Amino acid sequence: MRRYLAALILLAGLVLPSASARCDVTPVKSGAKTRKTTDKDWLRHPDKHKYYTESWTMAARSRDGHIVYLNFIYTNLGVFAGSAAVNVSYSRPGKSSVHLAFEHKTSEYGEDPKIGRIGVGASWIALKGRDFTVKVKESQFKMDLQGRLWADGVKVYGGRLELGEDAEKYVDIFYQVPRASVTGTAEIDGQSYAFEGDAYLDHMVQNALGTDYASHWYVARFFHSDYSVVFITFKARKELGGKLVARVMVTGKDGMLLFTDSISLSTDKKKNDPKGHDYATRYKFKAGRKNDPVRVSGTFTG
């Protein structure tokens, strides 16, 4: 399958060098390579390391052009006193994006395993089976979405990538909502909008700064009426082998079509920011192996 699609969201950047030295980024292999995520995967994974962060990140697009990037985060980045937050980027058709951040205390994080609900302050997300609900109740932004997943959540082995030989540091990646059809409302600055469209959500846990193990990140979500393509790709730091680590997923209405770690990615058309950093603005990719029943390729710009 070959499609050229418009990218919903792209995050890519250069990061600062790390003083720590590691030797590799390695998936923890046990059992089936591809497996369904569990209720336990969805909930918070407490960690006592001096640095630890956990996030649930949703991208949603309505059929009339509203785009929402929603992030719930819990972190002890402050080492002694952590924080929690609800971050929002919202674009209305024909208008610029609005970025909002709502800070909370870690004590304002809560969860209810029985109904699969995690929350920060008065805002929460629930996932149980294939039922998906999002409620955001902040001063400048509110959202109420209900939806149904096209396919079960997925992970590679147990979802863990170990950083270095000692395996003390790690990154867990769970694709909890590969694709969901959603309906509801969104309200920004007191103005309400109907929202009918699609959503995706991933969940990450890590006890290392992203700058400690990756030099570049490329994250994109593509929505098509009959299927979607998602990839989270990062380039490991040179001292960690410098490899491109990828998780590529293609989902159709009847379920998962492809979940692979095979990707080729090239970038060009660089631009400079005011601080002198340069960034690529065009990305070409091919995902899937020769014998896979589904392969995808495309070009997108940022």
C-alpha atoms as a PDB file:
ATOM      1  CA  MET A   1       0.000   0.000   0.000  1.00  0.00           C
ATOM      2  CA  ARG A   2       1.484   3.319  -1.022  1.00  0.00           C
ATOM      3  CA  ARG A   3      -0.069   6.585   0.082  1.00  0.00           C
ATOM      4  CA  TYR A   4       1.000  10.182   0.242  1.00  0.00           C
ATOM      5  CA  LEU A   5      -0.781  11.880   3.124  1.00  0.00           C
ATOM      6  CA  ALA A   6      -0.805  15.181   4.997  1.00  0.00           C
ATOM      7  CA  ALA A   7       0.888  15.020   8.382  1.00  0.00           C
ATOM      8  CA  LEU A   8      -1.160  16.133  11.375  1.00  0.00           C
ATOM      9  CA  ILE A   9       1.678  16.725  13.798  1.00  0.00           C
ATOM     10  CA  LEU A  10       5.449  16.677  13.479  1.00  0.00           C
ATOM     11  CA  LEU A  11       7.910  17.102  16.284  1.00  0.00           C
ATOM     12  CA  ALA A  12      11.562  17.112  15.279  1.00  0.00           C
ATOM     13  CA  GLY A  13      14.574  18.812  16.752  1.00  0.00           C
ATOM     14  CA  LEU A  14      18.187  18.919  17.691  1.00  0.00           C
ATOM     15  CA  VAL A  15      19.071  18.577  21.360  1.00  0.00           C
ATOM     16  CA  LEU A  16      21.973  19.350  23.604  1.00  0.00           C
ATOM     17  CA  PRO A  17      24.853  16.882  24.076  1.00  0.00           C
ATOM     18  CA  SER A  18      24.798  14.542  27.040  1.00  0.00           C
ATOM     19  CA  ALA A  19      27.645  14.069  29.471  1.00  0.00           C
ATOM     20  CA  SER A  20      26.638  10.469  30.188  1.00  0.00           C
ATOM     21  CA  ALA A  21      27.948   7.625  28.048  1.00  0.00           C
ATOM     22  CA  ARG A  22      25.937   4.538  27.136  1.00  0.00           C
ATOM     23  CA  CYS A  23      26.584   1.724  24.712  1.00  0.00           C
ATOM     24  CA  ASP A  24      23.222   0.892  23.113  1.00  0.00           C
ATOM     25  CA  VAL A  25      19.446   1.278  22.984  1.00  0.00           C
ATOM     26  CA  THR A  26      17.960  -2.209  23.223  1.00  0.00           C
ATOM     27  CA  PRO A  27      14.387  -3.530  23.313  1.00  0.00           C
ATOM     28  CA  VAL A  28      13.783  -5.952  26.180  1.00  0.00           C
ATOM     29  CA  LYS A  29      12.869  -9.152  24.333  1.00  0.00           C
ATOM     30  CA  SER A  30      10.608 -11.764  25.862  1.00  0.00           C
ATOM     31  CA  GLY A  31       7.649 -13.623  24.384  1.00  0.00           C
ATOM     32  CA  ALA A  32       5.774 -12.349  21.339  1.00  0.00           C
ATOM     33  CA  LYS A  33       7.309  -9.347  19.598  1.00  0.00           C
ATOM     34  CA  THR A  34       3.947  -7.633  19.102  1.00  0.00           C
ATOM     35  CA  ARG A  35       1.342  -7.848  21.825  1.00  0.00           C
ATOM     36  CA  LYS A  36      -1.760  -6.173  23.188  1.00  0.00           C
ATOM     37  CA  THR A  37      -1.349  -3.528  25.885  1.00  0.00           C
ATOM     38  CA  THR A  38      -2.867  -4.245  29.299  1.00  0.00           C
ATOM     39  CA  ASP A  39      -4.877  -2.256  31.833  1.00  0.00           C
ATOM     40  CA  LYS A  40      -1.708  -2.051  33.939  1.00  0.00           C
ATOM     41  CA  ASP A  41       0.200  -0.497  31.022  1.00  0.00           C
ATOM     42  CA  TRP A  42      -2.346   2.335  30.935  1.00  0.00           C
ATOM     43  CA  LEU A  43      -1.916   3.357  34.582  1.00  0.00           C
ATOM     44  CA  ARG A  44       1.022   5.254  36.110  1.00  0.00           C
ATOM     45  CA  HIS A  45       4.327   3.423  36.653  1.00  0.00           C
ATOM     46  CA  PRO A  46       5.884   4.918  39.835  1.00  0.00           C
ATOM     47  CA  ASP A  47       9.680   5.154  39.797  1.00  0.00           C
ATOM     48  CA  LYS A  48      12.026   6.261  42.580  1.00  0.00           C
ATOM     49  CA  HIS A  49      14.893   7.434  40.369  1.00  0.00           C
ATOM     50  CA  LYS A  50      15.947  11.055  40.824  1.00  0.00           C
ATOM     51  CA  TYR A  51      14.521  11.744  37.374  1.00  0.00           C
ATOM     52  CA  TYR A  52      11.307  10.167  36.110  1.00  0.00           C
ATOM     53  CA  THR A  53       8.518  11.381  33.857  1.00  0.00           C
ATOM     54  CA  GLU A  54       5.348   9.835  32.497  1.00  0.00           C
ATOM     55  CA  SER A  55       3.075  11.221  29.801  1.00  0.00           C
ATOM     56  CA  TRP A  56      -0.134  10.458  27.946  1.00  0.00           C
ATOM     57  CA  THR A  57      -0.240  12.311  24.608  1.00  0.00           C
ATOM     58  CA  MET A  58      -3.264  12.579  22.317  1.00  0.00           C
ATOM     59  CA  ALA A  59      -3.534  13.982  18.809  1.00  0.00           C
ATOM     60  CA  ALA A  60      -7.061  14.558  17.503  1.00  0.00           C
ATOM     61  CA  ARG A  61      -8.466  16.016  14.306  1.00  0.00           C
ATOM     62  CA  SER A  62     -12.068  16.933  13.538  1.00  0.00           C
ATOM     63  CA  ARG A  63     -13.508  16.560  10.066  1.00  0.00           C
ATOM     64  CA  ASP A  64     -13.973  20.328   9.768  1.00  0.00           C
ATOM     65  CA  GLY A  65     -10.341  21.144  10.548  1.00  0.00           C
ATOM     66  CA  HIS A  66      -9.959  21.491  14.319  1.00  0.00           C
ATOM     67  CA  ILE A  67      -6.675  19.998  15.577  1.00  0.00           C
ATOM     68  CA  VAL A  68      -5.929  19.258  19.222  1.00  0.00           C
ATOM     69  CA  TYR A  69      -2.662  18.155  20.801  1.00  0.00           C
ATOM     70  CA  LEU A  70      -3.290  17.181  24.430  1.00  0.00           C
ATOM     71  CA  ASN A  71      -0.649  16.071  26.911  1.00  0.00           C
ATOM     72  CA  PHE A  72      -1.035  14.878  30.510  1.00  0.00           C
ATOM     73  CA  ILE A  73       2.305  14.684  32.312  1.00  0.00           C
ATOM     74  CA  TYR A  74       3.566  13.598  35.726  1.00  0.00           C
ATOM     75  CA  THR A  75       7.206  14.204  36.587  1.00  0.00           C
ATOM     76  CA  ASN A  76       9.693  14.467  39.441  1.00  0.00           C
ATOM     77  CA  LEU A  77      12.014  16.562  37.277  1.00  0.00           C
ATOM     78  CA  GLY A  78      12.429  18.817  40.292  1.00  0.00           C
ATOM     79  CA  VAL A  79      13.894  15.776  42.101  1.00  0.00           C
ATOM     80  CA  PHE A  80      12.508  16.784  45.511  1.00  0.00           C
ATOM     81  CA  ALA A  81       9.153  18.221  44.442  1.00  0.00           C
ATOM     82  CA  GLY A  82       7.717  17.073  41.150  1.00  0.00           C
ATOM     83  CA  SER A  83       4.787  18.445  39.199  1.00  0.00           C
ATOM     84  CA  ALA A  84       1.892  17.452  37.002  1.00  0.00           C
ATOM     85  CA  ALA A  85       0.409  19.376  34.095  1.00  0.00           C
ATOM     86  CA  VAL A  86      -2.166  19.471  31.328  1.00  0.00           C
ATOM     87  CA  ASN A  87      -0.705  20.907  28.099  1.00  0.00           C
ATOM     88  CA  VAL A  88      -2.836  21.863  25.100  1.00  0.00           C
ATOM     89  CA  SER A  89      -2.187  23.035  21.557  1.00  0.00           C
ATOM     90  CA  TYR A  90      -5.415  23.847  19.722  1.00  0.00           C
ATOM     91  CA  SER A  91      -5.888  24.983  16.118  1.00  0.00           C
ATOM     92  CA  ARG A  92      -9.184  26.222  14.716  1.00  0.00           C
ATOM     93  CA  PRO A  93      -9.780  26.169  10.932  1.00  0.00           C
ATOM     94  CA  GLY A  94      -7.936  29.042   9.317  1.00  0.00           C
ATOM     95  CA  LYS A  95      -6.518  30.338  12.603  1.00  0.00           C
ATOM     96  CA  SER A  96      -3.157  30.107  14.371  1.00  0.00           C
ATOM     97  CA  SER A  97      -2.509  27.548  17.090  1.00  0.00           C
ATOM     98  CA  VAL A  98      -3.136  28.445  20.720  1.00  0.00           C
ATOM     99  CA  HIS A  99      -0.752  26.875  23.257  1.00  0.00           C
ATOM    100  CA  LEU A 100      -1.816  26.515  26.874  1.00  0.00           C
ATOM    101  CA  ALA A 101      -0.151  24.950  29.928  1.00  0.00           C
ATOM    102  CA  PHE A 102      -1.954  24.277  33.192  1.00  0.00           C
ATOM    103  CA  GLU A 103       0.343  23.403  36.103  1.00  0.00           C
ATOM    104  CA  HIS A 104      -0.724  21.127  38.963  1.00  0.00           C
ATOM    105  CA  LYS A 105       0.842  19.413  41.952  1.00  0.00           C
ATOM    106  CA  THR A 106       1.723  15.719  41.808  1.00  0.00           C
ATOM    107  CA  SER A 107      -0.873  15.223  44.549  1.00  0.00           C
ATOM    108  CA  GLU A 108      -3.493  16.283  41.989  1.00  0.00           C
ATOM    109  CA  TYR A 109      -2.759  13.219  39.873  1.00  0.00           C
ATOM    110  CA  GLY A 110      -5.251  10.410  40.428  1.00  0.00           C
ATOM    111  CA  GLU A 111      -6.380   7.140  38.861  1.00  0.00           C
ATOM    112  CA  ASP A 112      -9.179   4.616  39.124  1.00  0.00           C
ATOM    113  CA  PRO A 113      -8.136   1.177  37.793  1.00  0.00           C
ATOM    114  CA  LYS A 114     -11.700  -0.147  37.837  1.00  0.00           C
ATOM    115  CA  ILE A 115     -12.835   2.242  35.115  1.00  0.00           C
ATOM    116  CA  GLY A 116      -9.416   2.845  33.540  1.00  0.00           C
ATOM    117  CA  ARG A 117      -9.313   6.529  34.403  1.00  0.00           C
ATOM    118  CA  ILE A 118      -6.193   8.679  34.901  1.00  0.00           C
ATOM    119  CA  GLY A 119      -6.441  12.363  35.727  1.00  0.00           C
ATOM    120  CA  VAL A 120      -4.677  15.615  36.557  1.00  0.00           C
ATOM    121  CA  GLY A 121      -6.720  18.115  38.556  1.00  0.00           C
ATOM    122  CA  ALA A 122     -10.296  18.112  37.249  1.00  0.00           C
ATOM    123  CA  SER A 123      -9.232  16.772  33.831  1.00  0.00           C
ATOM    124  CA  TRP A 124      -9.080  13.078  33.025  1.00  0.00           C
ATOM    125  CA  ILE A 125      -8.836  10.410  30.325  1.00  0.00           C
ATOM    126  CA  ALA A 126     -10.458   6.982  30.586  1.00  0.00           C
ATOM    127  CA  LEU A 127      -9.638   3.866  28.562  1.00  0.00           C
ATOM    128  CA  LYS A 128     -11.375   0.574  29.189  1.00  0.00           C
ATOM    129  CA  GLY A 129     -11.342  -2.079  26.500  1.00  0.00           C
ATOM    130  CA  ARG A 130     -12.038  -0.107  23.334  1.00  0.00           C
ATOM    131  CA  ASP A 131     -14.036   2.648  25.002  1.00  0.00           C
ATOM    132  CA  PHE A 132     -12.239   6.009  25.148  1.00  0.00           C
ATOM    133  CA  THR A 133     -13.295   9.192  26.992  1.00  0.00           C
ATOM    134  CA  VAL A 134     -11.511  12.547  27.329  1.00  0.00           C
ATOM    135  CA  LYS A 135     -12.586  15.303  29.746  1.00  0.00           C
ATOM    136  CA  VAL A 136     -10.553  18.518  30.014  1.00  0.00           C
ATOM    137  CA  LYS A 137     -11.760  21.112  32.522  1.00  0.00           C
ATOM    138  CA  GLU A 138      -9.275  23.975  32.611  1.00  0.00           C
ATOM    139  CA  SER A 139      -9.886  27.725  32.813  1.00  0.00           C
ATOM    140  CA  GLN A 140      -9.216  28.542  29.134  1.00  0.00           C
ATOM    141  CA  PHE A 141      -9.880  25.173  27.551  1.00  0.00           C
ATOM    142  CA  LYS A 142     -12.521  22.495  27.944  1.00  0.00           C
ATOM    143  CA  MET A 143     -13.098  19.285  26.022  1.00  0.00           C
ATOM    144  CA  ASP A 144     -15.580  16.439  26.231  1.00  0.00           C
ATOM    145  CA  LEU A 145     -14.964  13.537  23.825  1.00  0.00           C
ATOM    146  CA  GLN A 146     -16.276   9.981  23.684  1.00  0.00           C
ATOM    147  CA  GLY A 147     -15.022   7.410  21.238  1.00  0.00           C
ATOM    148  CA  ARG A 148     -14.367   3.848  20.233  1.00  0.00           C
ATOM    149  CA  LEU A 149     -10.994   2.364  19.278  1.00  0.00           C
ATOM    150  CA  TRP A 150     -10.535   0.746  15.870  1.00  0.00           C
ATOM    151  CA  ALA A 151      -7.972  -1.682  17.311  1.00  0.00           C
ATOM    152  CA  ASP A 152      -6.525  -2.728  20.663  1.00  0.00           C
ATOM    153  CA  GLY A 153      -3.489  -0.936  22.051  1.00  0.00           C
ATOM    154  CA  VAL A 154      -0.145  -2.421  21.026  1.00  0.00           C
ATOM    155  CA  LYS A 155       3.469  -2.595  22.243  1.00  0.00           C
ATOM    156  CA  VAL A 156       6.755  -4.197  21.190  1.00  0.00           C
ATOM    157  CA  TYR A 157       7.470  -7.070  23.597  1.00  0.00           C
ATOM    158  CA  GLY A 158       6.790  -5.427  26.984  1.00  0.00           C
ATOM    159  CA  GLY A 159       7.190  -1.907  25.587  1.00  0.00           C
ATOM    160  CA  ARG A 160      10.618  -1.303  27.143  1.00  0.00           C
ATOM    161  CA  LEU A 161      13.821   0.052  25.622  1.00  0.00           C
ATOM    162  CA  GLU A 162      16.878  -0.263  27.877  1.00  0.00           C
ATOM    163  CA  LEU A 163      19.527   2.449  27.665  1.00  0.00           C
ATOM    164  CA  GLY A 164      23.018   1.080  28.130  1.00  0.00           C
ATOM    165  CA  GLU A 165      24.519  -2.136  29.451  1.00  0.00           C
ATOM    166  CA  ASP A 166      23.458  -1.708  33.067  1.00  0.00           C
ATOM    167  CA  ALA A 167      19.764  -1.373  32.031  1.00  0.00           C
ATOM    168  CA  GLU A 168      19.244   1.052  34.912  1.00  0.00           C
ATOM    169  CA  LYS A 169      17.729   3.664  32.613  1.00  0.00           C
ATOM    170  CA  TYR A 170      14.865   2.915  30.254  1.00  0.00           C
ATOM    171  CA  VAL A 171      12.031   4.200  28.092  1.00  0.00           C
ATOM    172  CA  ASP A 172       8.638   2.467  27.924  1.00  0.00           C
ATOM    173  CA  ILE A 173       6.386   3.165  24.910  1.00  0.00           C
ATOM    174  CA  PHE A 174       2.756   2.035  24.755  1.00  0.00           C
ATOM    175  CA  TYR A 175       0.475   2.755  21.781  1.00  0.00           C
ATOM    176  CA  GLN A 176      -2.698   2.760  23.869  1.00  0.00           C
ATOM    177  CA  VAL A 177      -5.084   4.255  21.271  1.00  0.00           C
ATOM    178  CA  PRO A 178      -3.871   3.399  17.743  1.00  0.00           C
ATOM    179  CA  ARG A 179      -6.957   5.096  16.276  1.00  0.00           C
ATOM    180  CA  ALA A 180     -10.362   6.049  17.679  1.00  0.00           C
ATOM    181  CA  SER A 181     -13.450   7.630  16.159  1.00  0.00           C
ATOM    182  CA  VAL A 182     -14.575  10.404  18.538  1.00  0.00           C
ATOM    183  CA  THR A 183     -17.454  12.852  18.946  1.00  0.00           C
ATOM    184  CA  GLY A 184     -18.028  15.644  21.440  1.00  0.00           C
ATOM    185  CA  THR A 185     -17.300  19.306  22.032  1.00  0.00           C
ATOM    186  CA  ALA A 186     -14.315  21.580  22.600  1.00  0.00           C
ATOM    187  CA  GLU A 187     -14.364  25.038  24.140  1.00  0.00           C
ATOM    188  CA  ILE A 188     -11.618  27.635  23.913  1.00  0.00           C
ATOM    189  CA  ASP A 189     -11.880  31.099  25.480  1.00  0.00           C
ATOM    190  CA  GLY A 190     -15.575  30.551  26.106  1.00  0.00           C
ATOM    191  CA  GLN A 191     -16.500  29.649  22.525  1.00  0.00           C
ATOM    192  CA  SER A 192     -17.780  26.101  21.999  1.00  0.00           C
ATOM    193  CA  TYR A 193     -17.258  23.935  18.906  1.00  0.00           C
ATOM    194  CA  ALA A 194     -18.697  20.587  17.887  1.00  0.00           C
ATOM    195  CA  PHE A 195     -15.951  17.998  17.452  1.00  0.00           C
ATOM    196  CA  GLU A 196     -16.409  14.880  15.317  1.00  0.00           C
ATOM    197  CA  GLY A 197     -13.354  13.114  13.995  1.00  0.00           C
ATOM    198  CA  ASP A 198     -10.446  10.921  15.006  1.00  0.00           C
ATOM    199  CA  ALA A 199      -7.896  10.558  17.792  1.00  0.00           C
ATOM    200  CA  TYR A 200      -4.670   8.746  18.644  1.00  0.00           C
ATOM    201  CA  LEU A 201      -2.879   8.427  21.993  1.00  0.00           C
ATOM    202  CA  ASP A 202       0.471   7.064  23.139  1.00  0.00           C
ATOM    203  CA  HIS A 203       1.850   6.662  26.661  1.00  0.00           C
ATOM    204  CA  MET A 204       5.532   7.016  27.562  1.00  0.00           C
ATOM    205  CA  VAL A 205       7.441   6.330  30.772  1.00  0.00           C
ATOM    206  CA  GLN A 206      11.128   7.179  31.155  1.00  0.00           C
ATOM    207  CA  ASN A 207      13.715   7.690  33.866  1.00  0.00           C
ATOM    208  CA  ALA A 208      16.179   9.419  31.549  1.00  0.00           C
ATOM    209  CA  LEU A 209      16.011  12.794  29.862  1.00  0.00           C
ATOM    210  CA  GLY A 210      15.272  12.578  26.151  1.00  0.00           C
ATOM    211  CA  THR A 211      18.528  14.466  25.589  1.00  0.00           C
ATOM    212  CA  ASP A 212      20.416  11.649  27.336  1.00  0.00           C
ATOM    213  CA  TYR A 213      19.561   9.041  24.722  1.00  0.00           C
ATOM    214  CA  ALA A 214      18.355  10.783  21.539  1.00  0.00           C
ATOM    215  CA  SER A 215      19.814  13.442  19.255  1.00  0.00           C
ATOM    216  CA  HIS A 216      16.701  13.803  17.056  1.00  0.00           C
ATOM    217  CA  TRP A 217      12.993  12.981  17.386  1.00  0.00           C
ATOM    218  CA  TYR A 218      10.554  12.544  14.490  1.00  0.00           C
ATOM    219  CA  VAL A 219       6.929  11.928  15.470  1.00  0.00           C
ATOM    220  CA  ALA A 220       4.041  12.016  12.993  1.00  0.00           C
ATOM    221  CA  ARG A 221       0.400  10.963  12.860  1.00  0.00           C
ATOM    222  CA  PHE A 222      -1.472  10.643   9.559  1.00  0.00           C
ATOM    223  CA  PHE A 223      -5.268  10.283   9.416  1.00  0.00           C
ATOM    224  CA  HIS A 224      -7.046   8.843   6.375  1.00  0.00           C
ATOM    225  CA  SER A 225     -10.757   8.004   6.239  1.00  0.00           C
ATOM    226  CA  ASP A 226     -10.071   4.252   6.135  1.00  0.00           C
ATOM    227  CA  TYR A 227      -6.724   3.914   7.904  1.00  0.00           C
ATOM    228  CA  SER A 228      -4.039   5.814   9.772  1.00  0.00           C
ATOM    229  CA  VAL A 229      -0.254   5.812   9.980  1.00  0.00           C
ATOM    230  CA  VAL A 230       1.721   6.649  13.129  1.00  0.00           C
ATOM    231  CA  PHE A 231       5.412   6.603  13.745  1.00  0.00           C
ATOM    232  CA  ILE A 232       7.582   7.496  16.687  1.00  0.00           C
ATOM    233  CA  THR A 233      11.178   7.560  15.544  1.00  0.00           C
ATOM    234  CA  PHE A 234      14.313   8.829  17.247  1.00  0.00           C
ATOM    235  CA  LYS A 235      17.997   8.746  16.480  1.00  0.00           C
ATOM    236  CA  ALA A 236      20.032   7.367  19.370  1.00  0.00           C
ATOM    237  CA  ARG A 237      22.948   9.479  20.500  1.00  0.00           C
ATOM    238  CA  LYS A 238      26.301   8.614  18.946  1.00  0.00           C
ATOM    239  CA  GLU A 239      27.584   7.085  22.190  1.00  0.00           C
ATOM    240  CA  LEU A 240      24.493   4.844  22.195  1.00  0.00           C
ATOM    241  CA  GLY A 241      25.178   3.519  18.726  1.00  0.00           C
ATOM    242  CA  GLY A 242      23.564   6.294  16.660  1.00  0.00           C
ATOM    243  CA  LYS A 243      20.854   3.990  15.294  1.00  0.00           C
ATOM    244  CA  LEU A 244      17.420   5.053  14.119  1.00  0.00           C
ATOM    245  CA  VAL A 245      14.908   3.522  16.552  1.00  0.00           C
ATOM    246  CA  ALA A 246      11.436   3.282  15.037  1.00  0.00           C
ATOM    247  CA  ARG A 247       7.932   2.139  15.868  1.00  0.00           C
ATOM    248  CA  VAL A 248       5.631   2.368  12.828  1.00  0.00           C
ATOM    249  CA  MET A 249       1.952   1.473  12.919  1.00  0.00           C
ATOM    250  CA  VAL A 250      -0.723   1.254  10.224  1.00  0.00           C
ATOM    251  CA  THR A 251      -4.306   0.791  11.441  1.00  0.00           C
ATOM    252  CA  GLY A 252      -7.424   0.063   9.393  1.00  0.00           C
ATOM    253  CA  LYS A 253     -11.072  -0.093  10.386  1.00  0.00           C
ATOM    254  CA  ASP A 254     -10.776  -3.863  10.861  1.00  0.00           C
ATOM    255  CA  GLY A 255      -7.750  -3.584  13.138  1.00  0.00           C
ATOM    256  CA  MET A 256      -3.960  -3.428  13.015  1.00  0.00           C
ATOM    257  CA  LEU A 257      -2.444  -3.888   9.554  1.00  0.00           C
ATOM    258  CA  LEU A 258       1.220  -3.274  10.305  1.00  0.00           C
ATOM    259  CA  PHE A 259       3.384  -2.739  13.365  1.00  0.00           C
ATOM    260  CA  THR A 260       7.076  -2.635  12.509  1.00  0.00           C
ATOM    261  CA  ASP A 261      10.432  -1.268  13.621  1.00  0.00           C
ATOM    262  CA  SER A 262      11.619  -0.976  10.005  1.00  0.00           C
ATOM    263  CA  ILE A 263      11.869   2.553   8.573  1.00  0.00           C
ATOM    264  CA  SER A 264      14.093   4.577   6.286  1.00  0.00           C
ATOM    265  CA  LEU A 265      13.999   8.341   6.760  1.00  0.00           C
ATOM    266  CA  SER A 266      15.744  11.194   4.963  1.00  0.00           C
ATOM    267  CA  THR A 267      15.482  14.928   5.577  1.00  0.00           C
ATOM    268  CA  ASP A 268      16.374  18.086   3.661  1.00  0.00           C
ATOM    269  CA  LYS A 269      15.338  21.721   3.032  1.00  0.00           C
ATOM    270  CA  LYS A 270      16.865  23.029   6.243  1.00  0.00           C
ATOM    271  CA  LYS A 271      15.882  26.292   7.889  1.00  0.00           C
ATOM    272  CA  ASN A 272      17.684  28.266  10.602  1.00  0.00           C
ATOM    273  CA  ASP A 273      16.047  29.551  13.756  1.00  0.00           C
ATOM    274  CA  PRO A 274      16.971  32.893  15.410  1.00  0.00           C
ATOM    275  CA  LYS A 275      19.483  31.139  17.688  1.00  0.00           C
ATOM    276  CA  GLY A 276      21.405  29.641  14.775  1.00  0.00           C
ATOM    277  CA  HIS A 277      20.112  26.057  15.005  1.00  0.00           C
ATOM    278  CA  ASP A 278      19.142  24.419  11.716  1.00  0.00           C
ATOM    279  CA  TYR A 279      16.145  22.145  11.222  1.00  0.00           C
ATOM    280  CA  ALA A 280      14.997  19.999   8.342  1.00  0.00           C
ATOM    281  CA  THR A 281      11.570  20.896   6.947  1.00  0.00           C
ATOM    282  CA  ARG A 282      10.977  18.012   4.504  1.00  0.00           C
ATOM    283  CA  TYR A 283      10.865  14.356   5.525  1.00  0.00           C
ATOM    284  CA  LYS A 284      10.730  11.324   3.232  1.00  0.00           C
ATOM    285  CA  PHE A 285      10.082   7.881   4.657  1.00  0.00           C
ATOM    286  CA  LYS A 286       9.430   4.243   3.811  1.00  0.00           C
ATOM    287  CA  ALA A 287       8.209   1.777   6.430  1.00  0.00           C
ATOM    288  CA  GLY A 288       7.797  -1.982   6.419  1.00  0.00           C
ATOM    289  CA  ARG A 289       9.927  -4.817   5.103  1.00  0.00           C
ATOM    290  CA  LYS A 290       9.854  -6.349   1.629  1.00  0.00           C
ATOM    291  CA  ASN A 291       7.712  -9.320   2.643  1.00  0.00           C
ATOM    292  CA  ASP A 292       5.274  -7.381   4.844  1.00  0.00           C
ATOM    293  CA  PRO A 293       1.683  -7.436   3.536  1.00  0.00           C
ATOM    294  CA  VAL A 294       1.500  -3.654   4.039  1.00  0.00           C
ATOM    295  CA  ARG A 295       4.125  -1.023   3.394  1.00  0.00           C
ATOM    296  CA  VAL A 296       3.777   2.735   3.509  1.00  0.00           C
ATOM    297  CA  SER A 297       5.825   5.599   2.095  1.00  0.00           C
ATOM    298  CA  GLY A 298       5.379   9.322   1.952  1.00  0.00           C
ATOM    299  CA  THR A 299       6.721  12.839   2.108  1.00  0.00           C
ATOM    300  CA  PHE A 300       5.672  15.467   4.603  1.00  0.00           C
ATOM    301  CA  THR A 301       6.780  18.954   5.501  1.00  0.00           C
ATOM    302  CA  GLY A 302       7.001  20.908   8.732  1.00  0.00           C
END
